[in-house]
Amino acid sequence: MEQQQDKRFVILDTETTGMPVGEGHRIIEIGCVEVIGRRLTGRHFHVYLQPDRESDEGAINVHGITDAFLVGKPRFADVAEEFFAFIQGATLVIHNAAFDVGFINNEFALLGQQDRADAAQYCTILDTLLLARSRHPGQRNSLDALCKRYDIDNSGRELHGALLDSELLADVYLAMTGGQTSLSLAGHGADADDDGQGAGGSEIRRIVGRGPGRVIVASAEELEAHAERLAAIAKSAGGPSMWQALTETPAG
């Protein structure tokens, strides 16, 4: 059975001329980044597209991509094969997946490629908006809100952009599903160690011949800063952190 660390994830976002797709709106930007083993691999797919129609003013206010900027850009037909090859077989991680998947399916349908007009047939779809709502019910779960909740720097996001948003969503997804992007105690990279264990190996190595470690007690200032940090986390998350739940003694 395929292990979780071997699965291939493609974090994806699109920008469009407007909405809904049923009114003839088209994709004008696609941004994807690849994650394997809870690490960004560095592989990405990014393209701006000529949609052969004008964008709604409201959409331009969101993403800032003007009709003039798109003149001369490739059409979806020009990149369809490369895009399909990049996403095929992957788990697509998308925030509000119904929107993006609907547009992707439509683009392939317009090319007469009905076998590709249902992304769920060749990809697994994971909607981070639904995931966030299940984990943070009653709270704001926009990408910006999740970046704030998980302390992810989105200061460069003045406007929506498919590649930037997919990179931010990758960080959000990894934080929501475990926080730690990699657990590699045996070394870095894919090189095997002396025992043939790769960086992702599960071997436990015992350290012998060492005395007890030195205990460094936190100062009053450090304890105060720690308490302030826990309070900020609790306020952002709408409840006490796991550390507080484990260490604080209930009153009474």
Protein backbone atom coordinates (compact mmCIF):
# COMPACT_ATOMS: atom_id res chain seq x y z
CA MET A 1 0.00 0.00 0.00
CA GLU A 2 1.32 3.46 -0.89
CA GLN A 3 2.72 5.24 2.14
CA GLN A 4 1.63 8.79 2.98
CA GLN A 5 5.17 10.14 2.54
CA ASP A 6 5.27 8.79 -1.01
CA LYS A 7 2.06 10.42 -2.15
CA ARG A 8 2.23 13.26 -4.61
CA PHE A 9 0.26 16.39 -3.80
CA VAL A 10 -0.29 19.32 -6.14
CA ILE A 11 -1.45 22.48 -4.42
CA LEU A 12 -3.41 24.43 -7.02
CA ASP A 13 -5.06 27.79 -7.51
CA THR A 14 -6.58 29.62 -10.46
CA GLU A 15 -7.63 33.16 -11.30
CA THR A 16 -10.50 33.78 -13.73
CA THR A 17 -12.24 36.46 -15.73
CA GLY A 18 -15.12 36.33 -13.25
CA MET A 19 -17.80 33.94 -12.13
CA PRO A 20 -19.74 31.73 -12.52
CA VAL A 21 -18.22 29.43 -15.09
CA GLY A 22 -21.69 28.89 -16.58
CA GLU A 23 -21.70 32.47 -17.87
CA GLY A 24 -18.71 31.85 -20.10
CA HIS A 25 -15.94 32.94 -17.75
CA ARG A 26 -12.47 31.49 -18.33
CA ILE A 27 -9.24 30.78 -16.51
CA ILE A 28 -6.55 33.45 -16.90
CA GLU A 29 -3.91 32.13 -14.47
CA ILE A 30 -2.97 28.70 -13.11
CA GLY A 31 -0.48 28.21 -10.29
CA CYS A 32 0.59 24.83 -8.87
CA VAL A 33 3.32 23.64 -6.55
CA GLU A 34 4.30 20.03 -5.86
CA VAL A 35 4.62 18.47 -2.41
CA ILE A 36 6.02 14.99 -1.77
CA GLY A 37 6.89 13.64 1.66
CA ARG A 38 5.51 16.83 3.25
CA ARG A 39 8.18 18.84 1.45
CA LEU A 40 7.92 21.31 -1.40
CA THR A 41 9.92 19.69 -4.20
CA GLY A 42 10.62 22.90 -6.10
CA ARG A 43 8.60 21.73 -9.11
CA HIS A 44 5.78 24.05 -10.10
CA PHE A 45 3.47 24.87 -12.97
CA HIS A 46 2.57 28.51 -13.60
CA VAL A 47 1.04 30.22 -16.60
CA TYR A 48 -1.04 33.25 -17.57
CA LEU A 49 -3.67 32.60 -20.24
CA GLN A 50 -5.41 34.59 -22.96
CA PRO A 51 -9.12 33.93 -22.32
CA ASP A 52 -10.54 35.44 -25.54
CA ARG A 53 -12.95 37.55 -23.52
CA GLU A 54 -12.83 40.52 -21.17
CA SER A 55 -12.52 40.14 -17.41
CA ASP A 56 -15.16 41.57 -15.12
CA GLU A 57 -14.13 44.72 -13.29
CA GLY A 58 -14.80 43.04 -9.97
CA ALA A 59 -12.45 40.17 -10.85
CA ILE A 60 -9.69 42.58 -11.89
CA ASN A 61 -10.04 44.34 -8.54
CA VAL A 62 -9.36 40.99 -6.84
CA HIS A 63 -6.39 39.71 -8.86
CA GLY A 64 -5.15 42.82 -10.70
CA ILE A 65 -4.69 40.98 -14.01
CA THR A 66 -5.81 43.31 -16.79
CA ASP A 67 -7.02 42.40 -20.26
CA ALA A 68 -4.06 44.32 -21.74
CA PHE A 69 -1.60 42.21 -19.73
CA LEU A 70 -3.06 38.99 -21.16
CA VAL A 71 -2.68 40.02 -24.81
CA GLY A 72 -0.24 37.62 -26.46
CA LYS A 73 -0.31 35.09 -23.65
CA PRO A 74 -0.91 31.41 -24.58
CA ARG A 75 -4.39 29.96 -24.67
CA PHE A 76 -5.40 26.99 -22.55
CA ALA A 77 -5.17 24.75 -25.62
CA ASP A 78 -1.46 25.61 -25.85
CA VAL A 79 -0.69 24.38 -22.32
CA ALA A 80 -3.36 21.69 -21.84
CA GLU A 81 -1.02 18.71 -22.34
CA GLU A 82 1.67 20.05 -20.04
CA PHE A 83 -0.89 20.98 -17.37
CA PHE A 84 -2.61 17.60 -17.54
CA ALA A 85 0.73 15.80 -17.22
CA PHE A 86 1.56 17.87 -14.12
CA ILE A 87 -1.67 17.12 -12.24
CA GLN A 88 -2.55 13.62 -13.44
CA GLY A 89 -2.65 11.08 -10.62
CA ALA A 90 -1.91 13.61 -7.90
CA THR A 91 -3.99 14.67 -4.93
CA LEU A 92 -5.11 18.18 -5.81
CA VAL A 93 -5.19 20.41 -2.73
CA ILE A 94 -7.44 23.40 -3.45
CA HIS A 95 -9.15 26.02 -1.30
CA ASN A 96 -12.82 26.01 -2.32
CA ALA A 97 -12.17 23.20 -4.78
CA ALA A 98 -15.59 23.30 -6.47
CA PHE A 99 -14.73 26.68 -7.99
CA ASP A 100 -11.33 25.80 -9.46
CA VAL A 101 -12.25 22.25 -10.50
CA GLY A 102 -15.35 23.55 -12.26
CA PHE A 103 -13.23 25.92 -14.34
CA ILE A 104 -10.59 23.27 -15.09
CA ASN A 105 -13.25 20.81 -16.22
CA ASN A 106 -14.80 23.49 -18.40
CA GLU A 107 -11.51 24.32 -20.13
CA PHE A 108 -10.95 20.69 -21.10
CA ALA A 109 -14.59 20.36 -22.19
CA LEU A 110 -14.22 23.38 -24.48
CA LEU A 111 -11.35 21.54 -26.17
CA GLY A 112 -13.59 18.52 -26.71
CA GLN A 113 -11.48 16.45 -24.29
CA GLN A 114 -14.36 14.87 -22.42
CA ASP A 115 -12.10 12.24 -20.84
CA ARG A 116 -10.36 15.07 -19.00
CA ALA A 117 -13.46 17.14 -18.25
CA ASP A 118 -13.88 15.53 -14.83
CA ALA A 119 -10.72 16.01 -12.77
CA ALA A 120 -12.02 13.67 -10.08
CA GLN A 121 -11.58 10.78 -12.52
CA TYR A 122 -7.79 11.17 -12.72
CA CYS A 123 -6.99 13.09 -9.51
CA THR A 124 -8.01 12.96 -5.87
CA ILE A 125 -9.58 16.27 -4.82
CA LEU A 126 -8.90 17.63 -1.32
CA ASP A 127 -10.76 20.83 -0.40
CA THR A 128 -8.91 22.77 2.31
CA LEU A 129 -11.91 25.05 2.85
CA LEU A 130 -14.01 22.05 3.94
CA LEU A 131 -11.09 20.77 5.99
CA ALA A 132 -10.71 24.14 7.72
CA ARG A 133 -14.44 24.39 8.44
CA SER A 134 -14.38 20.97 10.10
CA ARG A 135 -11.38 21.93 12.24
CA HIS A 136 -12.40 25.51 13.00
CA PRO A 137 -16.21 25.59 12.98
CA GLY A 138 -17.79 29.01 13.25
CA GLN A 139 -14.55 30.82 12.45
CA ARG A 140 -13.34 32.66 9.35
CA ASN A 141 -11.57 30.20 7.07
CA SER A 142 -10.43 32.30 4.13
CA LEU A 143 -6.82 31.82 3.04
CA ASP A 144 -5.85 35.08 4.74
CA ALA A 145 -7.58 34.06 7.97
CA LEU A 146 -5.85 30.67 7.95
CA CYS A 147 -2.46 32.27 7.33
CA LYS A 148 -3.04 34.45 10.38
CA ARG A 149 -4.27 31.52 12.48
CA TYR A 150 -1.24 29.37 11.63
CA ASP A 151 1.27 32.25 11.78
CA ILE A 152 2.14 32.09 8.07
CA ASP A 153 3.55 35.28 6.55
CA ASN A 154 1.23 36.52 3.80
CA SER A 155 2.38 40.14 3.89
CA GLY A 156 3.16 40.00 0.16
CA ARG A 157 -0.43 39.13 -0.74
CA GLU A 158 -1.88 42.53 -1.63
CA LEU A 159 -3.80 40.94 -4.52
CA HIS A 160 -4.76 37.36 -5.28
CA GLY A 161 -2.29 35.51 -7.49
CA ALA A 162 -2.47 31.83 -8.40
CA LEU A 163 1.17 30.91 -7.80
CA LEU A 164 1.56 32.92 -4.59
CA ASP A 165 -1.76 31.61 -3.27
CA SER A 166 -0.79 28.01 -4.03
CA GLU A 167 2.49 28.49 -2.13
CA LEU A 168 0.64 29.97 0.86
CA LEU A 169 -1.95 27.21 0.70
CA ALA A 170 0.82 24.61 0.78
CA ASP A 171 2.05 26.07 4.07
CA VAL A 172 -1.50 26.22 5.42
CA TYR A 173 -2.26 22.64 4.42
CA LEU A 174 0.92 21.30 6.02
CA ALA A 175 0.15 23.26 9.19
CA MET A 176 -3.44 22.01 9.33
CA THR A 177 -2.42 18.39 8.81
CA GLY A 178 0.42 18.18 11.26
CA GLY A 179 2.40 21.39 11.31
CA GLN A 180 5.82 19.78 10.83
CA THR A 181 6.74 19.64 7.16
CA SER A 182 9.42 16.98 7.61
CA LEU A 183 10.72 14.61 10.26
CA SER A 184 14.18 13.56 9.16
CA LEU A 185 16.41 12.49 12.03
CA ALA A 186 18.84 10.40 10.01
CA GLY A 187 20.07 13.17 7.75
CA HIS A 188 18.99 15.43 4.93
CA GLY A 189 18.09 14.74 1.32
CA ALA A 190 17.60 11.36 -0.27
CA ASP A 191 21.04 9.88 0.46
CA ALA A 192 21.03 6.66 2.44
CA ASP A 193 22.93 6.39 5.71
CA ASP A 194 25.47 3.70 6.56
CA ASP A 195 22.75 1.18 7.39
CA GLY A 196 20.89 1.74 4.12
CA GLN A 197 18.19 3.86 5.76
CA GLY A 198 17.16 6.89 3.73
CA ALA A 199 16.43 10.26 5.28
CA GLY A 200 12.87 9.17 5.78
CA GLY A 201 13.78 5.88 7.50
CA SER A 202 12.07 4.92 10.71
CA GLU A 203 15.09 3.43 12.50
CA ILE A 204 15.54 4.58 16.12
CA ARG A 205 19.14 5.12 17.15
CA ARG A 206 19.96 5.02 20.85
CA ILE A 207 22.67 7.33 22.12
CA VAL A 208 24.86 5.67 24.74
CA GLY A 209 27.82 6.75 26.82
CA ARG A 210 26.51 10.22 27.67
CA GLY A 211 25.68 11.61 31.08
CA PRO A 212 22.45 13.44 31.91
CA GLY A 213 21.90 16.69 30.08
CA ARG A 214 22.15 20.07 31.82
CA VAL A 215 18.81 21.61 32.82
CA ILE A 216 18.49 25.31 31.97
CA VAL A 217 15.66 26.97 33.88
CA ALA A 218 13.68 29.67 32.08
CA SER A 219 14.01 33.22 33.41
CA ALA A 220 11.04 35.25 34.64
CA GLU A 221 11.13 37.29 31.42
CA GLU A 222 11.10 34.13 29.30
CA LEU A 223 8.20 32.67 31.28
CA GLU A 224 6.25 35.91 30.82
CA ALA A 225 6.94 35.92 27.06
CA HIS A 226 5.87 32.26 26.89
CA ALA A 227 2.59 33.04 28.67
CA GLU A 228 1.90 35.95 26.31
CA ARG A 229 2.54 33.69 23.30
CA LEU A 230 0.16 31.01 24.62
CA ALA A 231 -2.50 33.64 25.21
CA ALA A 232 -2.13 34.91 21.64
CA ILE A 233 -2.44 31.37 20.26
CA ALA A 234 -5.54 30.73 22.37
CA LYS A 235 -7.14 33.96 21.18
CA SER A 236 -6.40 33.18 17.52
CA ALA A 237 -7.57 29.56 17.75
CA GLY A 238 -10.63 30.29 19.85
CA GLY A 239 -9.53 27.96 22.63
CA PRO A 240 -6.55 26.92 24.75
CA SER A 241 -3.49 25.45 23.08
CA MET A 242 -2.65 21.76 23.53
CA TRP A 243 0.19 22.80 25.86
CA GLN A 244 -2.20 24.72 28.08
CA ALA A 245 -4.69 21.85 28.11
CA LEU A 246 -1.97 19.44 29.23
CA THR A 247 -0.18 21.62 31.78
CA GLU A 248 -2.75 23.92 33.39
CA THR A 249 -4.57 22.58 36.44
CA PRO A 250 -8.35 23.23 36.41
CA ALA A 251 -9.55 25.55 39.14
CA GLY A 252 -11.45 24.07 42.10
